[in-house]
């Protein structure tokens, strides 16, 4: 005869409940992220038609606040160029092609 152990209910919780982020803060962060993402796409749509002709499939790193962008065939080099001018700024990385995507999922 096998002995069965009584099933305990699984408790789900946070490791550090004192660091819970309020929903208002999460909503604010998401709104900032959406606005920044929209700005990346606006800048990309504006500059990509001219750049695609001579730099197809190059990487473009965009700083959304200034509208500056940096291009290179190597992603790391393009990011380094952006970091030299904007060391702590948020940047978006896209590819100079029809969709702006860097790869396939």
C-alpha atoms as a PDB file:
ATOM      1  CA  UNK A   1       0.000   0.000   0.000  1.00  0.00           C
ATOM      2  CA  UNK A   2       1.386   3.404  -0.925  1.00  0.00           C
ATOM      3  CA  UNK A   3       1.172   6.296   1.359  1.00  0.00           C
ATOM      4  CA  UNK A   4      -0.090   9.546  -0.110  1.00  0.00           C
ATOM      5  CA  UNK A   5       0.807  12.897   1.250  1.00  0.00           C
ATOM      6  CA  UNK A   6      -1.966  15.389   1.723  1.00  0.00           C
ATOM      7  CA  UNK A   7      -1.905  18.090  -0.944  1.00  0.00           C
ATOM      8  CA  UNK A   8      -1.169  21.495   0.393  1.00  0.00           C
ATOM      9  CA  UNK A   9      -2.495  24.492  -1.430  1.00  0.00           C
ATOM     10  CA  UNK A  10       0.258  26.193  -3.375  1.00  0.00           C
ATOM     11  CA  UNK A  11       0.954  29.678  -2.185  1.00  0.00           C
ATOM     12  CA  UNK A  12       1.754  32.220  -4.754  1.00  0.00           C
ATOM     13  CA  UNK A  13       3.243  35.471  -3.666  1.00  0.00           C
ATOM     14  CA  UNK A  14       5.995  37.942  -4.166  1.00  0.00           C
ATOM     15  CA  UNK A  15       9.459  37.462  -2.800  1.00  0.00           C
ATOM     16  CA  UNK A  16       9.599  41.062  -1.660  1.00  0.00           C
ATOM     17  CA  UNK A  17       6.036  42.343  -1.186  1.00  0.00           C
ATOM     18  CA  UNK A  18       7.344  45.631   0.214  1.00  0.00           C
ATOM     19  CA  UNK A  19       8.686  46.448  -3.275  1.00  0.00           C
ATOM     20  CA  UNK A  20       5.372  46.132  -5.065  1.00  0.00           C
ATOM     21  CA  UNK A  21       4.981  48.806  -7.717  1.00  0.00           C
ATOM     22  CA  UNK A  22       1.634  50.595  -7.561  1.00  0.00           C
ATOM     23  CA  UNK A  23      -0.619  50.253 -10.630  1.00  0.00           C
ATOM     24  CA  UNK A  24      -0.438  54.011 -11.260  1.00  0.00           C
ATOM     25  CA  UNK A  25       3.342  53.838 -11.554  1.00  0.00           C
ATOM     26  CA  UNK A  26       3.124  50.835 -13.884  1.00  0.00           C
ATOM     27  CA  UNK A  27       0.621  52.707 -16.071  1.00  0.00           C
ATOM     28  CA  UNK A  28       2.871  55.791 -16.159  1.00  0.00           C
ATOM     29  CA  UNK A  29       5.893  53.705 -17.182  1.00  0.00           C
ATOM     30  CA  UNK A  30       3.902  51.974 -19.915  1.00  0.00           C
ATOM     31  CA  UNK A  31       2.665  55.317 -21.262  1.00  0.00           C
ATOM     32  CA  UNK A  32       6.254  56.636 -21.396  1.00  0.00           C
ATOM     33  CA  UNK A  33       7.399  53.479 -23.152  1.00  0.00           C
ATOM     34  CA  UNK A  34       4.577  53.723 -25.713  1.00  0.00           C
ATOM     35  CA  UNK A  35       5.334  57.406 -26.402  1.00  0.00           C
ATOM     36  CA  UNK A  36       9.058  56.674 -26.831  1.00  0.00           C
ATOM     37  CA  UNK A  37       8.299  53.761 -29.149  1.00  0.00           C
ATOM     38  CA  UNK A  38       5.972  55.931 -31.230  1.00  0.00           C
ATOM     39  CA  UNK A  39       8.746  58.534 -31.538  1.00  0.00           C
ATOM     40  CA  UNK A  40      11.215  55.852 -32.751  1.00  0.00           C
ATOM     41  CA  UNK A  41       8.817  54.858 -35.520  1.00  0.00           C
ATOM     42  CA  UNK A  42       8.102  58.473 -36.499  1.00  0.00           C
ATOM     43  CA  UNK A  43      11.812  59.233 -36.901  1.00  0.00           C
ATOM     44  CA  UNK A  44      12.384  55.930 -38.716  1.00  0.00           C
ATOM     45  CA  UNK A  45       9.538  56.629 -41.157  1.00  0.00           C
ATOM     46  CA  UNK A  46      10.934  60.093 -41.815  1.00  0.00           C
ATOM     47  CA  UNK A  47      14.563  59.160 -42.544  1.00  0.00           C
ATOM     48  CA  UNK A  48      14.407  55.580 -43.820  1.00  0.00           C
ATOM     49  CA  UNK A  49      13.305  56.268 -47.431  1.00  0.00           C
ATOM     50  CA  UNK A  50      16.511  58.238 -48.122  1.00  0.00           C
ATOM     51  CA  UNK A  51      18.797  55.886 -46.182  1.00  0.00           C
ATOM     52  CA  UNK A  52      17.463  52.551 -47.478  1.00  0.00           C
ATOM     53  CA  UNK A  53      18.705  53.263 -51.007  1.00  0.00           C
ATOM     54  CA  UNK A  54      22.396  53.339 -50.036  1.00  0.00           C
ATOM     55  CA  UNK A  55      22.396  51.561 -46.664  1.00  0.00           C
ATOM     56  CA  UNK A  56      19.974  48.649 -47.012  1.00  0.00           C
ATOM     57  CA  UNK A  57      19.931  46.351 -43.935  1.00  0.00           C
ATOM     58  CA  UNK A  58      22.280  48.573 -41.944  1.00  0.00           C
ATOM     59  CA  UNK A  59      21.443  49.215 -38.295  1.00  0.00           C
ATOM     60  CA  UNK A  60      19.995  52.540 -37.213  1.00  0.00           C
ATOM     61  CA  UNK A  61      20.119  53.648 -33.578  1.00  0.00           C
ATOM     62  CA  UNK A  62      17.642  56.420 -32.790  1.00  0.00           C
ATOM     63  CA  UNK A  63      17.666  58.816 -29.827  1.00  0.00           C
ATOM     64  CA  UNK A  64      13.989  59.837 -29.568  1.00  0.00           C
ATOM     65  CA  UNK A  65      14.279  63.127 -27.666  1.00  0.00           C
ATOM     66  CA  UNK A  66      16.668  64.831 -30.085  1.00  0.00           C
ATOM     67  CA  UNK A  67      15.772  62.938 -33.235  1.00  0.00           C
ATOM     68  CA  UNK A  68      19.428  62.100 -33.834  1.00  0.00           C
ATOM     69  CA  UNK A  69      20.245  58.763 -35.407  1.00  0.00           C
ATOM     70  CA  UNK A  70      23.408  56.765 -36.014  1.00  0.00           C
ATOM     71  CA  UNK A  71      23.886  54.109 -38.707  1.00  0.00           C
ATOM     72  CA  UNK A  72      26.424  51.371 -39.285  1.00  0.00           C
ATOM     73  CA  UNK A  73      26.624  47.862 -40.732  1.00  0.00           C
ATOM     74  CA  UNK A  74      27.529  46.541 -37.270  1.00  0.00           C
ATOM     75  CA  UNK A  75      24.939  46.928 -34.506  1.00  0.00           C
ATOM     76  CA  UNK A  76      27.544  47.328 -31.758  1.00  0.00           C
ATOM     77  CA  UNK A  77      29.369  50.101 -33.622  1.00  0.00           C
ATOM     78  CA  UNK A  78      26.103  51.979 -34.187  1.00  0.00           C
ATOM     79  CA  UNK A  79      25.271  51.694 -30.472  1.00  0.00           C
ATOM     80  CA  UNK A  80      28.773  52.898 -29.533  1.00  0.00           C
ATOM     81  CA  UNK A  81      28.322  55.958 -31.754  1.00  0.00           C
ATOM     82  CA  UNK A  82      25.038  56.742 -30.007  1.00  0.00           C
ATOM     83  CA  UNK A  83      26.509  56.166 -26.540  1.00  0.00           C
ATOM     84  CA  UNK A  84      29.365  58.578 -27.236  1.00  0.00           C
ATOM     85  CA  UNK A  85      26.906  61.403 -27.735  1.00  0.00           C
ATOM     86  CA  UNK A  86      24.111  60.185 -25.397  1.00  0.00           C
ATOM     87  CA  UNK A  87      25.744  58.078 -22.650  1.00  0.00           C
ATOM     88  CA  UNK A  88      22.627  57.714 -20.507  1.00  0.00           C
ATOM     89  CA  UNK A  89      19.833  58.264 -23.027  1.00  0.00           C
ATOM     90  CA  UNK A  90      17.281  55.697 -24.134  1.00  0.00           C
ATOM     91  CA  UNK A  91      17.914  54.570 -27.692  1.00  0.00           C
ATOM     92  CA  UNK A  92      16.015  52.361 -30.099  1.00  0.00           C
ATOM     93  CA  UNK A  93      17.677  49.991 -32.539  1.00  0.00           C
ATOM     94  CA  UNK A  94      16.081  49.255 -35.886  1.00  0.00           C
ATOM     95  CA  UNK A  95      17.201  47.980 -39.249  1.00  0.00           C
ATOM     96  CA  UNK A  96      17.084  49.941 -42.477  1.00  0.00           C
ATOM     97  CA  UNK A  97      14.693  47.767 -44.431  1.00  0.00           C
ATOM     98  CA  UNK A  98      11.023  47.848 -45.310  1.00  0.00           C
ATOM     99  CA  UNK A  99       9.834  46.834 -41.823  1.00  0.00           C
ATOM    100  CA  UNK A 100      12.587  48.128 -39.536  1.00  0.00           C
ATOM    101  CA  UNK A 101      12.915  44.748 -37.850  1.00  0.00           C
ATOM    102  CA  UNK A 102      16.303  43.346 -36.905  1.00  0.00           C
ATOM    103  CA  UNK A 103      15.442  39.667 -37.240  1.00  0.00           C
ATOM    104  CA  UNK A 104      12.742  37.047 -37.497  1.00  0.00           C
ATOM    105  CA  UNK A 105      10.805  35.522 -34.648  1.00  0.00           C
END
